[in-house]
N, C-alpha and C. Protein backbone atom coordinates (compact mmCIF):
# COMPACT_ATOMS: atom_id res chain seq x y z
N MET A 1 -14.21 -18.10 -3.65
CA MET A 1 -13.67 -16.79 -3.94
C MET A 1 -13.09 -16.77 -5.35
N ARG A 2 -13.44 -15.75 -6.12
CA ARG A 2 -12.94 -15.61 -7.49
C ARG A 2 -11.53 -15.04 -7.45
N THR A 3 -10.62 -15.62 -8.19
CA THR A 3 -9.25 -15.12 -8.27
C THR A 3 -8.99 -14.68 -9.70
N PRO A 4 -8.95 -13.37 -9.96
CA PRO A 4 -8.68 -12.91 -11.31
C PRO A 4 -7.32 -13.40 -11.79
N ALA A 5 -7.23 -13.70 -13.07
CA ALA A 5 -6.00 -14.24 -13.65
C ALA A 5 -4.83 -13.28 -13.48
N GLN A 6 -5.10 -11.96 -13.45
CA GLN A 6 -4.01 -11.00 -13.38
C GLN A 6 -3.43 -10.81 -11.99
N GLN A 7 -4.05 -11.37 -10.96
CA GLN A 7 -3.47 -11.23 -9.62
C GLN A 7 -2.14 -11.98 -9.56
N LEU A 8 -1.19 -11.39 -8.87
CA LEU A 8 0.13 -11.98 -8.78
C LEU A 8 0.17 -13.06 -7.72
N VAL A 9 1.01 -14.04 -7.96
CA VAL A 9 1.20 -15.13 -7.01
C VAL A 9 2.70 -15.27 -6.77
N PRO A 10 3.09 -15.90 -5.66
CA PRO A 10 4.52 -16.10 -5.43
C PRO A 10 5.18 -16.78 -6.64
N GLY A 11 6.31 -16.23 -7.05
CA GLY A 11 7.01 -16.73 -8.23
C GLY A 11 6.80 -15.87 -9.46
N SER A 12 5.71 -15.06 -9.47
CA SER A 12 5.53 -14.10 -10.57
C SER A 12 6.71 -13.14 -10.55
N VAL A 13 7.02 -12.57 -11.70
CA VAL A 13 8.12 -11.61 -11.78
C VAL A 13 7.58 -10.28 -12.26
N VAL A 14 7.92 -9.22 -11.54
CA VAL A 14 7.48 -7.87 -11.86
C VAL A 14 8.58 -7.19 -12.67
N ARG A 15 8.20 -6.60 -13.80
CA ARG A 15 9.21 -5.92 -14.62
C ARG A 15 9.70 -4.67 -13.92
N PRO A 16 10.97 -4.34 -14.09
CA PRO A 16 11.51 -3.14 -13.43
C PRO A 16 10.86 -1.86 -13.96
N ARG A 17 10.68 -0.92 -13.06
CA ARG A 17 10.15 0.39 -13.43
C ARG A 17 10.58 1.39 -12.38
N SER A 18 10.48 2.67 -12.71
CA SER A 18 10.75 3.74 -11.77
C SER A 18 9.43 4.42 -11.47
N LEU A 19 9.12 4.54 -10.19
CA LEU A 19 7.89 5.21 -9.76
C LEU A 19 8.27 6.56 -9.15
N THR A 20 7.48 7.57 -9.44
CA THR A 20 7.74 8.90 -8.91
C THR A 20 6.79 9.20 -7.77
N PRO A 21 7.31 9.26 -6.54
CA PRO A 21 6.45 9.59 -5.40
C PRO A 21 5.97 11.04 -5.47
N VAL A 22 4.93 11.36 -4.73
CA VAL A 22 4.42 12.73 -4.71
C VAL A 22 5.37 13.66 -3.96
N CYS A 23 6.23 13.10 -3.12
CA CYS A 23 7.29 13.85 -2.43
C CYS A 23 8.55 13.00 -2.51
N GLY A 24 9.65 13.59 -2.90
CA GLY A 24 10.91 12.86 -2.90
C GLY A 24 11.32 12.34 -4.26
N ALA A 25 12.44 11.61 -4.24
CA ALA A 25 13.08 11.13 -5.47
C ALA A 25 12.39 9.87 -6.01
N PRO A 26 12.56 9.60 -7.31
CA PRO A 26 12.00 8.38 -7.89
C PRO A 26 12.49 7.12 -7.17
N VAL A 27 11.66 6.10 -7.21
CA VAL A 27 11.92 4.83 -6.53
C VAL A 27 11.96 3.73 -7.56
N GLY A 28 13.03 2.93 -7.55
CA GLY A 28 13.10 1.77 -8.42
C GLY A 28 12.31 0.62 -7.83
N VAL A 29 11.49 0.01 -8.65
CA VAL A 29 10.71 -1.17 -8.24
C VAL A 29 10.93 -2.24 -9.30
N PRO A 30 11.65 -3.33 -8.96
CA PRO A 30 12.21 -3.67 -7.65
C PRO A 30 13.38 -2.75 -7.28
N ASP A 31 13.84 -2.93 -6.03
CA ASP A 31 14.86 -2.03 -5.48
C ASP A 31 16.27 -2.42 -5.89
N GLY A 32 16.58 -3.70 -5.99
CA GLY A 32 17.93 -4.15 -6.33
C GLY A 32 18.73 -4.52 -5.10
N ASP A 33 18.48 -3.85 -3.98
CA ASP A 33 19.23 -4.13 -2.75
C ASP A 33 18.33 -4.58 -1.60
N ARG A 34 17.06 -4.21 -1.67
CA ARG A 34 16.16 -4.49 -0.55
C ARG A 34 14.87 -5.12 -1.05
N LEU A 35 14.15 -5.69 -0.12
CA LEU A 35 12.79 -6.12 -0.41
C LEU A 35 11.92 -4.89 -0.54
N ILE A 36 10.87 -4.99 -1.31
CA ILE A 36 9.88 -3.90 -1.38
C ILE A 36 8.53 -4.46 -0.97
N HIS A 37 7.91 -3.74 -0.04
CA HIS A 37 6.51 -4.02 0.32
C HIS A 37 5.68 -2.98 -0.41
N LEU A 38 5.03 -3.41 -1.47
CA LEU A 38 4.20 -2.53 -2.29
C LEU A 38 2.78 -2.65 -1.79
N GLN A 39 2.25 -1.52 -1.31
CA GLN A 39 0.89 -1.48 -0.78
C GLN A 39 -0.01 -0.73 -1.74
N PHE A 40 -1.19 -1.26 -1.99
CA PHE A 40 -2.21 -0.56 -2.76
C PHE A 40 -3.32 -0.15 -1.81
N ARG A 41 -3.55 1.16 -1.73
CA ARG A 41 -4.57 1.72 -0.86
C ARG A 41 -5.67 2.33 -1.70
N ARG A 42 -6.52 3.12 -1.08
CA ARG A 42 -7.69 3.65 -1.78
C ARG A 42 -7.44 5.08 -2.22
N PHE A 43 -8.01 6.07 -1.60
CA PHE A 43 -7.93 7.45 -2.06
C PHE A 43 -7.29 8.34 -1.00
N ALA A 44 -6.81 9.49 -1.41
CA ALA A 44 -6.17 10.44 -0.50
C ALA A 44 -7.12 10.82 0.62
N GLY A 45 -6.66 10.71 1.84
CA GLY A 45 -7.48 11.06 2.99
C GLY A 45 -8.41 9.95 3.45
N CYS A 46 -8.35 8.80 2.83
CA CYS A 46 -9.20 7.66 3.23
C CYS A 46 -8.96 7.35 4.71
N PRO A 47 -9.97 7.48 5.58
CA PRO A 47 -9.77 7.23 7.00
C PRO A 47 -9.26 5.83 7.31
N VAL A 48 -9.76 4.83 6.57
CA VAL A 48 -9.35 3.45 6.81
C VAL A 48 -7.88 3.27 6.43
N CYS A 49 -7.47 3.85 5.31
CA CYS A 49 -6.07 3.77 4.88
C CYS A 49 -5.17 4.48 5.89
N ASN A 50 -5.60 5.66 6.34
CA ASN A 50 -4.80 6.43 7.29
C ASN A 50 -4.60 5.66 8.60
N LEU A 51 -5.64 4.99 9.05
CA LEU A 51 -5.54 4.20 10.28
C LEU A 51 -4.45 3.15 10.14
N HIS A 52 -4.47 2.43 9.02
CA HIS A 52 -3.46 1.39 8.78
C HIS A 52 -2.06 2.00 8.63
N LEU A 53 -1.95 3.07 7.84
CA LEU A 53 -0.63 3.64 7.59
C LEU A 53 0.00 4.20 8.86
N ARG A 54 -0.81 4.66 9.81
CA ARG A 54 -0.24 5.13 11.08
C ARG A 54 0.46 3.98 11.81
N SER A 55 -0.06 2.76 11.70
CA SER A 55 0.60 1.62 12.33
C SER A 55 1.94 1.33 11.65
N VAL A 56 2.01 1.57 10.34
CA VAL A 56 3.26 1.38 9.59
C VAL A 56 4.26 2.47 9.97
N VAL A 57 3.79 3.70 10.11
CA VAL A 57 4.67 4.81 10.50
C VAL A 57 5.29 4.55 11.87
N ARG A 58 4.48 4.10 12.83
CA ARG A 58 4.99 3.85 14.18
C ARG A 58 6.12 2.84 14.20
N ARG A 59 6.11 1.89 13.27
CA ARG A 59 7.10 0.81 13.29
C ARG A 59 8.01 0.83 12.07
N HIS A 60 8.09 1.99 11.42
CA HIS A 60 8.87 2.10 10.20
C HIS A 60 10.34 1.75 10.41
N GLY A 61 10.90 2.11 11.55
CA GLY A 61 12.29 1.77 11.84
C GLY A 61 12.53 0.27 11.84
N GLU A 62 11.61 -0.49 12.41
CA GLU A 62 11.72 -1.96 12.42
C GLU A 62 11.63 -2.51 11.00
N ILE A 63 10.74 -1.93 10.21
CA ILE A 63 10.56 -2.40 8.84
C ILE A 63 11.84 -2.18 8.04
N GLU A 64 12.41 -0.98 8.15
CA GLU A 64 13.66 -0.70 7.43
C GLU A 64 14.80 -1.58 7.92
N ALA A 65 14.86 -1.82 9.24
CA ALA A 65 15.92 -2.67 9.80
C ALA A 65 15.81 -4.10 9.28
N ALA A 66 14.62 -4.51 8.90
CA ALA A 66 14.42 -5.85 8.34
C ALA A 66 14.75 -5.91 6.85
N GLY A 67 15.20 -4.78 6.29
CA GLY A 67 15.59 -4.76 4.87
C GLY A 67 14.43 -4.57 3.92
N VAL A 68 13.36 -3.93 4.40
CA VAL A 68 12.15 -3.74 3.59
C VAL A 68 11.94 -2.26 3.33
N ARG A 69 11.66 -1.94 2.08
CA ARG A 69 11.30 -0.56 1.72
C ARG A 69 9.81 -0.52 1.45
N GLU A 70 9.12 0.43 2.08
CA GLU A 70 7.69 0.60 1.87
C GLU A 70 7.43 1.52 0.69
N VAL A 71 6.53 1.12 -0.19
CA VAL A 71 6.06 1.95 -1.30
C VAL A 71 4.54 1.81 -1.31
N VAL A 72 3.84 2.94 -1.17
CA VAL A 72 2.39 2.91 -1.03
C VAL A 72 1.75 3.64 -2.22
N VAL A 73 0.79 2.99 -2.86
CA VAL A 73 0.12 3.53 -4.05
C VAL A 73 -1.32 3.88 -3.73
N PHE A 74 -1.74 5.07 -4.18
CA PHE A 74 -3.13 5.52 -4.06
C PHE A 74 -3.65 5.87 -5.45
N HIS A 75 -4.96 5.76 -5.65
CA HIS A 75 -5.51 6.11 -6.97
C HIS A 75 -6.00 7.55 -7.05
N SER A 76 -5.42 8.43 -6.25
CA SER A 76 -5.74 9.86 -6.27
C SER A 76 -4.68 10.61 -7.07
N PRO A 77 -5.03 11.79 -7.58
CA PRO A 77 -4.02 12.63 -8.25
C PRO A 77 -2.96 13.10 -7.26
N ALA A 78 -1.76 13.36 -7.77
CA ALA A 78 -0.64 13.76 -6.92
C ALA A 78 -0.94 15.00 -6.09
N GLU A 79 -1.58 16.01 -6.71
CA GLU A 79 -1.82 17.25 -5.98
C GLU A 79 -2.79 17.05 -4.82
N GLU A 80 -3.70 16.10 -4.95
CA GLU A 80 -4.64 15.80 -3.86
C GLU A 80 -3.97 14.96 -2.77
N LEU A 81 -3.04 14.12 -3.18
CA LEU A 81 -2.38 13.19 -2.26
C LEU A 81 -1.24 13.85 -1.48
N ARG A 82 -0.58 14.82 -2.07
CA ARG A 82 0.63 15.42 -1.50
C ARG A 82 0.45 15.89 -0.04
N PRO A 83 -0.62 16.62 0.32
CA PRO A 83 -0.73 17.07 1.72
C PRO A 83 -0.81 15.92 2.73
N TYR A 84 -1.36 14.80 2.32
CA TYR A 84 -1.47 13.65 3.23
C TYR A 84 -0.15 12.89 3.33
N ALA A 85 0.68 12.98 2.29
CA ALA A 85 1.92 12.20 2.22
C ALA A 85 3.12 12.92 2.80
N ALA A 86 3.01 14.22 3.00
CA ALA A 86 4.16 15.04 3.37
C ALA A 86 4.89 14.55 4.62
N ASP A 87 4.17 14.01 5.60
CA ASP A 87 4.82 13.59 6.84
C ASP A 87 5.05 12.09 6.92
N LEU A 88 4.84 11.38 5.83
CA LEU A 88 5.05 9.93 5.85
C LEU A 88 6.50 9.61 5.50
N PRO A 89 7.12 8.66 6.21
CA PRO A 89 8.54 8.38 6.01
C PRO A 89 8.83 7.38 4.88
N PHE A 90 7.89 7.18 4.00
CA PHE A 90 8.08 6.25 2.89
C PHE A 90 7.48 6.83 1.62
N ALA A 91 7.78 6.20 0.50
CA ALA A 91 7.33 6.68 -0.80
C ALA A 91 5.83 6.48 -0.95
N VAL A 92 5.15 7.55 -1.38
CA VAL A 92 3.71 7.50 -1.65
C VAL A 92 3.53 7.90 -3.12
N VAL A 93 2.91 7.01 -3.88
CA VAL A 93 2.81 7.17 -5.33
C VAL A 93 1.36 7.38 -5.74
N ALA A 94 1.14 8.37 -6.60
CA ALA A 94 -0.20 8.64 -7.14
C ALA A 94 -0.37 7.85 -8.44
N ASP A 95 -1.47 7.15 -8.55
CA ASP A 95 -1.79 6.38 -9.77
C ASP A 95 -3.24 6.67 -10.16
N PRO A 96 -3.54 7.94 -10.54
CA PRO A 96 -4.94 8.30 -10.81
C PRO A 96 -5.55 7.57 -12.00
N ALA A 97 -4.73 7.08 -12.91
CA ALA A 97 -5.25 6.30 -14.04
C ALA A 97 -5.42 4.82 -13.69
N ARG A 98 -5.00 4.44 -12.50
CA ARG A 98 -5.10 3.06 -12.00
C ARG A 98 -4.36 2.05 -12.87
N ARG A 99 -3.29 2.49 -13.50
CA ARG A 99 -2.50 1.57 -14.34
C ARG A 99 -1.83 0.48 -13.50
N LEU A 100 -1.23 0.89 -12.38
CA LEU A 100 -0.59 -0.11 -11.52
C LEU A 100 -1.62 -1.05 -10.91
N TYR A 101 -2.77 -0.51 -10.54
CA TYR A 101 -3.84 -1.35 -9.99
C TYR A 101 -4.23 -2.44 -10.99
N ALA A 102 -4.38 -2.04 -12.25
CA ALA A 102 -4.75 -3.02 -13.29
C ALA A 102 -3.63 -4.03 -13.49
N GLU A 103 -2.39 -3.54 -13.56
CA GLU A 103 -1.26 -4.43 -13.80
C GLU A 103 -1.09 -5.45 -12.68
N PHE A 104 -1.35 -5.02 -11.44
CA PHE A 104 -1.16 -5.91 -10.30
C PHE A 104 -2.45 -6.64 -9.89
N GLY A 105 -3.53 -6.44 -10.63
CA GLY A 105 -4.77 -7.18 -10.36
C GLY A 105 -5.51 -6.72 -9.13
N VAL A 106 -5.41 -5.43 -8.77
CA VAL A 106 -6.06 -4.91 -7.57
C VAL A 106 -7.46 -4.42 -7.95
N GLU A 107 -8.45 -4.88 -7.22
CA GLU A 107 -9.85 -4.66 -7.58
C GLU A 107 -10.56 -3.65 -6.68
N SER A 108 -11.75 -3.29 -7.11
CA SER A 108 -12.73 -2.57 -6.30
C SER A 108 -13.97 -3.46 -6.22
N ALA A 109 -14.67 -3.39 -5.10
CA ALA A 109 -15.89 -4.19 -4.95
C ALA A 109 -16.71 -3.64 -3.79
N ARG A 110 -18.02 -3.83 -3.86
CA ARG A 110 -18.90 -3.36 -2.79
C ARG A 110 -18.56 -3.97 -1.44
N ARG A 111 -18.02 -5.17 -1.46
CA ARG A 111 -17.69 -5.84 -0.20
C ARG A 111 -16.59 -5.11 0.57
N ALA A 112 -15.90 -4.16 -0.08
CA ALA A 112 -14.87 -3.40 0.62
C ALA A 112 -15.44 -2.79 1.89
N LEU A 113 -16.64 -2.22 1.81
CA LEU A 113 -17.27 -1.60 2.97
C LEU A 113 -18.47 -2.38 3.50
N LEU A 114 -19.02 -3.29 2.71
CA LEU A 114 -20.20 -4.03 3.14
C LEU A 114 -19.88 -5.28 3.94
N ASP A 115 -18.64 -5.74 3.87
CA ASP A 115 -18.25 -6.93 4.63
C ASP A 115 -18.25 -6.58 6.12
N PRO A 116 -19.02 -7.29 6.95
CA PRO A 116 -19.09 -6.96 8.38
C PRO A 116 -17.74 -7.00 9.10
N ARG A 117 -16.77 -7.75 8.55
CA ARG A 117 -15.44 -7.79 9.18
C ARG A 117 -14.74 -6.44 9.10
N ALA A 118 -15.14 -5.60 8.15
CA ALA A 118 -14.53 -4.27 8.00
C ALA A 118 -15.13 -3.25 8.96
N TRP A 119 -16.36 -3.46 9.41
CA TRP A 119 -17.10 -2.43 10.15
C TRP A 119 -16.41 -1.91 11.41
N PRO A 120 -15.85 -2.77 12.27
CA PRO A 120 -15.19 -2.21 13.46
C PRO A 120 -14.02 -1.29 13.09
N HIS A 121 -13.28 -1.66 12.06
CA HIS A 121 -12.13 -0.86 11.62
C HIS A 121 -12.59 0.44 10.98
N VAL A 122 -13.67 0.36 10.21
CA VAL A 122 -14.22 1.57 9.57
C VAL A 122 -14.69 2.55 10.65
N LEU A 123 -15.40 2.04 11.66
CA LEU A 123 -15.87 2.90 12.74
C LEU A 123 -14.70 3.55 13.48
N ARG A 124 -13.70 2.74 13.83
CA ARG A 124 -12.52 3.27 14.52
C ARG A 124 -11.81 4.31 13.66
N ALA A 125 -11.70 4.05 12.35
CA ALA A 125 -11.04 4.97 11.43
C ALA A 125 -11.81 6.29 11.33
N LEU A 126 -13.14 6.20 11.25
CA LEU A 126 -13.95 7.42 11.16
C LEU A 126 -13.86 8.25 12.43
N LEU A 127 -13.85 7.60 13.60
CA LEU A 127 -13.72 8.32 14.86
C LEU A 127 -12.36 9.00 14.96
N ARG A 128 -11.30 8.28 14.57
CA ARG A 128 -9.96 8.87 14.60
C ARG A 128 -9.89 10.05 13.64
N SER A 129 -10.41 9.86 12.45
CA SER A 129 -10.36 10.91 11.43
C SER A 129 -11.13 12.15 11.88
N ALA A 130 -12.32 11.96 12.45
CA ALA A 130 -13.12 13.09 12.92
C ALA A 130 -12.36 13.88 13.98
N ALA A 131 -11.66 13.18 14.86
CA ALA A 131 -10.92 13.85 15.93
C ALA A 131 -9.76 14.67 15.38
N VAL A 132 -8.99 14.10 14.45
CA VAL A 132 -7.83 14.85 13.94
C VAL A 132 -8.25 15.97 13.00
N VAL A 133 -9.35 15.79 12.28
CA VAL A 133 -9.87 16.88 11.43
C VAL A 133 -10.37 18.01 12.31
N ALA A 134 -11.08 17.69 13.40
CA ALA A 134 -11.59 18.71 14.32
C ALA A 134 -10.46 19.53 14.95
N ARG A 135 -9.31 18.88 15.18
CA ARG A 135 -8.16 19.59 15.75
C ARG A 135 -7.33 20.31 14.68
N GLY A 136 -7.73 20.19 13.40
CA GLY A 136 -7.03 20.87 12.33
C GLY A 136 -5.74 20.21 11.89
N ARG A 137 -5.53 18.96 12.29
CA ARG A 137 -4.29 18.26 11.94
C ARG A 137 -4.39 17.54 10.60
N GLU A 138 -5.58 17.30 10.13
CA GLU A 138 -5.81 16.70 8.81
C GLU A 138 -7.02 17.36 8.21
N ARG A 139 -7.21 17.14 6.92
CA ARG A 139 -8.40 17.67 6.27
C ARG A 139 -9.26 16.52 5.77
N LEU A 140 -10.51 16.81 5.53
CA LEU A 140 -11.41 15.79 5.01
C LEU A 140 -10.99 15.40 3.59
N PRO A 141 -11.22 14.16 3.19
CA PRO A 141 -10.94 13.78 1.82
C PRO A 141 -11.90 14.49 0.87
N SER A 142 -11.51 14.58 -0.38
CA SER A 142 -12.36 15.17 -1.39
C SER A 142 -13.68 14.40 -1.48
N ARG A 143 -14.78 15.13 -1.64
CA ARG A 143 -16.08 14.45 -1.78
C ARG A 143 -16.16 13.66 -3.08
N ARG A 144 -15.47 14.17 -4.09
CA ARG A 144 -15.49 13.52 -5.40
C ARG A 144 -14.30 12.57 -5.51
N GLN A 145 -14.59 11.30 -5.67
CA GLN A 145 -13.56 10.29 -5.85
C GLN A 145 -13.81 9.61 -7.20
N PRO A 146 -13.06 10.01 -8.24
CA PRO A 146 -13.32 9.48 -9.58
C PRO A 146 -13.34 7.96 -9.67
N HIS A 147 -12.53 7.30 -8.85
CA HIS A 147 -12.50 5.84 -8.88
C HIS A 147 -13.27 5.22 -7.73
N GLY A 148 -14.08 6.04 -7.09
CA GLY A 148 -14.95 5.53 -6.03
C GLY A 148 -14.25 5.31 -4.71
N ARG A 149 -15.02 4.79 -3.77
CA ARG A 149 -14.55 4.55 -2.40
C ARG A 149 -14.55 3.06 -2.06
N LEU A 150 -14.68 2.22 -3.07
CA LEU A 150 -14.84 0.79 -2.82
C LEU A 150 -13.61 -0.04 -3.19
N GLY A 151 -12.44 0.60 -3.20
CA GLY A 151 -11.22 -0.14 -3.50
C GLY A 151 -10.88 -1.15 -2.42
N LEU A 152 -10.29 -2.24 -2.85
CA LEU A 152 -9.80 -3.26 -1.93
C LEU A 152 -8.29 -3.10 -1.80
N PRO A 153 -7.75 -3.30 -0.61
CA PRO A 153 -6.30 -3.19 -0.45
C PRO A 153 -5.58 -4.40 -1.03
N ALA A 154 -4.30 -4.21 -1.31
CA ALA A 154 -3.46 -5.32 -1.73
C ALA A 154 -2.05 -5.06 -1.25
N ASP A 155 -1.33 -6.13 -0.95
CA ASP A 155 0.06 -6.09 -0.50
C ASP A 155 0.86 -7.06 -1.34
N VAL A 156 2.03 -6.61 -1.79
CA VAL A 156 2.93 -7.48 -2.56
C VAL A 156 4.33 -7.30 -1.99
N LEU A 157 5.00 -8.41 -1.70
CA LEU A 157 6.38 -8.37 -1.24
C LEU A 157 7.27 -8.83 -2.38
N LEU A 158 8.16 -7.93 -2.80
CA LEU A 158 9.04 -8.20 -3.94
C LEU A 158 10.47 -8.40 -3.49
N SER A 159 11.14 -9.38 -4.10
CA SER A 159 12.57 -9.57 -3.87
C SER A 159 13.34 -8.52 -4.66
N PRO A 160 14.64 -8.37 -4.39
CA PRO A 160 15.42 -7.39 -5.14
C PRO A 160 15.45 -7.64 -6.65
N ASP A 161 15.20 -8.87 -7.08
CA ASP A 161 15.20 -9.13 -8.53
C ASP A 161 13.81 -9.06 -9.15
N GLY A 162 12.80 -8.67 -8.36
CA GLY A 162 11.44 -8.50 -8.88
C GLY A 162 10.54 -9.70 -8.75
N THR A 163 11.03 -10.77 -8.13
CA THR A 163 10.19 -11.94 -7.92
C THR A 163 9.20 -11.67 -6.79
N VAL A 164 7.95 -12.04 -7.00
CA VAL A 164 6.94 -11.91 -5.96
C VAL A 164 7.17 -13.01 -4.93
N LEU A 165 7.46 -12.59 -3.71
CA LEU A 165 7.68 -13.54 -2.62
C LEU A 165 6.38 -13.90 -1.92
N ALA A 166 5.47 -12.94 -1.86
CA ALA A 166 4.16 -13.15 -1.23
C ALA A 166 3.23 -12.05 -1.71
N ALA A 167 1.94 -12.35 -1.72
CA ALA A 167 0.94 -11.35 -2.12
C ALA A 167 -0.35 -11.60 -1.34
N LYS A 168 -1.02 -10.51 -1.01
CA LYS A 168 -2.32 -10.60 -0.33
C LYS A 168 -3.26 -9.63 -1.00
N TYR A 169 -4.41 -10.13 -1.42
CA TYR A 169 -5.47 -9.30 -2.00
C TYR A 169 -6.62 -9.28 -1.01
N GLY A 170 -6.90 -8.10 -0.47
CA GLY A 170 -7.88 -7.97 0.60
C GLY A 170 -9.29 -8.32 0.19
N GLU A 171 -10.01 -8.89 1.16
CA GLU A 171 -11.42 -9.23 0.97
C GLU A 171 -12.34 -8.08 1.38
N HIS A 172 -11.81 -7.13 2.17
CA HIS A 172 -12.58 -5.96 2.59
C HIS A 172 -11.61 -4.81 2.81
N ALA A 173 -12.12 -3.64 3.16
CA ALA A 173 -11.33 -2.41 3.20
C ALA A 173 -10.18 -2.44 4.20
N TYR A 174 -10.26 -3.27 5.25
CA TYR A 174 -9.18 -3.30 6.23
C TYR A 174 -8.50 -4.68 6.28
N ASP A 175 -8.49 -5.37 5.18
CA ASP A 175 -7.91 -6.70 5.10
C ASP A 175 -6.55 -6.60 4.41
N GLN A 176 -5.52 -6.33 5.22
CA GLN A 176 -4.17 -6.21 4.69
C GLN A 176 -3.19 -6.80 5.69
N TRP A 177 -1.92 -6.91 5.29
CA TRP A 177 -0.91 -7.40 6.20
C TRP A 177 -0.70 -6.41 7.34
N THR A 178 -0.52 -6.94 8.52
CA THR A 178 -0.08 -6.13 9.65
C THR A 178 1.43 -5.94 9.53
N VAL A 179 1.97 -5.04 10.32
CA VAL A 179 3.42 -4.86 10.34
C VAL A 179 4.09 -6.15 10.77
N ASP A 180 3.53 -6.84 11.76
CA ASP A 180 4.12 -8.11 12.21
C ASP A 180 4.18 -9.12 11.07
N GLU A 181 3.14 -9.18 10.25
CA GLU A 181 3.14 -10.11 9.12
C GLU A 181 4.21 -9.74 8.10
N VAL A 182 4.37 -8.46 7.84
CA VAL A 182 5.42 -8.02 6.90
C VAL A 182 6.79 -8.42 7.44
N LEU A 183 7.03 -8.19 8.72
CA LEU A 183 8.32 -8.53 9.32
C LEU A 183 8.55 -10.04 9.30
N GLU A 184 7.50 -10.81 9.55
CA GLU A 184 7.63 -12.27 9.51
C GLU A 184 7.94 -12.75 8.10
N LEU A 185 7.26 -12.19 7.11
CA LEU A 185 7.53 -12.56 5.72
C LEU A 185 8.96 -12.19 5.33
N ALA A 186 9.40 -11.01 5.74
CA ALA A 186 10.75 -10.56 5.41
C ALA A 186 11.80 -11.45 6.05
N SER A 187 11.56 -11.89 7.29
CA SER A 187 12.55 -12.71 7.98
C SER A 187 12.65 -14.10 7.38
N GLY A 188 11.61 -14.53 6.68
CA GLY A 188 11.61 -15.86 6.08
C GLY A 188 12.14 -15.90 4.66
N THR A 189 12.61 -14.77 4.15
CA THR A 189 13.11 -14.74 2.78
C THR A 189 14.60 -14.94 2.73
N THR A 190 15.05 -15.49 1.64
CA THR A 190 16.48 -15.59 1.38
C THR A 190 16.80 -14.55 0.34
N ARG A 191 17.55 -13.55 0.76
CA ARG A 191 17.88 -12.47 -0.17
C ARG A 191 19.05 -12.88 -1.04
N PRO A 192 18.96 -12.63 -2.36
CA PRO A 192 20.08 -12.96 -3.23
C PRO A 192 21.31 -12.13 -2.87
N SER A 193 22.45 -12.71 -3.07
CA SER A 193 23.68 -11.94 -2.84
C SER A 193 23.88 -10.91 -3.93
N ALA A 194 24.74 -9.95 -3.68
CA ALA A 194 25.02 -8.92 -4.69
C ALA A 194 25.56 -9.55 -5.97
N ALA A 195 26.36 -10.60 -5.84
CA ALA A 195 26.92 -11.28 -7.03
C ALA A 195 25.80 -11.89 -7.85
N HIS A 196 24.80 -12.45 -7.16
CA HIS A 196 23.67 -13.07 -7.87
C HIS A 196 22.86 -12.03 -8.64
N LEU A 197 22.77 -10.80 -8.09
CA LEU A 197 21.98 -9.76 -8.74
C LEU A 197 22.68 -9.15 -9.93
N ALA A 198 23.99 -9.27 -10.01
CA ALA A 198 24.74 -8.60 -11.10
C ALA A 198 24.47 -9.26 -12.43
């Protein structure tokens, strides 16, 4: 497996920045007080992304109780992403220029959808999406995706001081951390004290 030099590894340090979600107040990354689980997804309305994010929504209370803040990045424009993000209990950030994707080493590749390990999840996601669209609860994604539909997911867990505690770069469209994995990673971290952060 090829590992691009720009992909983050545990011990890398992320420079502080403020990200503006499509709904809500700006988010500091790193947070300063909590761990951040930074997720890189594909495009607004992506059925595979929606399937995964619903599992995060269901257990969001557990994630917050573990001291983790979710921040999810999509490469769609804010106006396209906003209707999908309105009911999500975490920050959703639009990165249509893919600057964060480039900075964090997140790739696109044909294997996103061609890898047979993704197929059961893609089928389940499409069936779920068709059902909720038919009931009028969601809308179809835009046919035009400037950055394509072949993005690979990525997960990065950041400490309050910006140190990368763990990172996962997906091999296919549904290759990301589960909520249980995020909680396990969070429970195994030693959070710096407030005095250490000052």
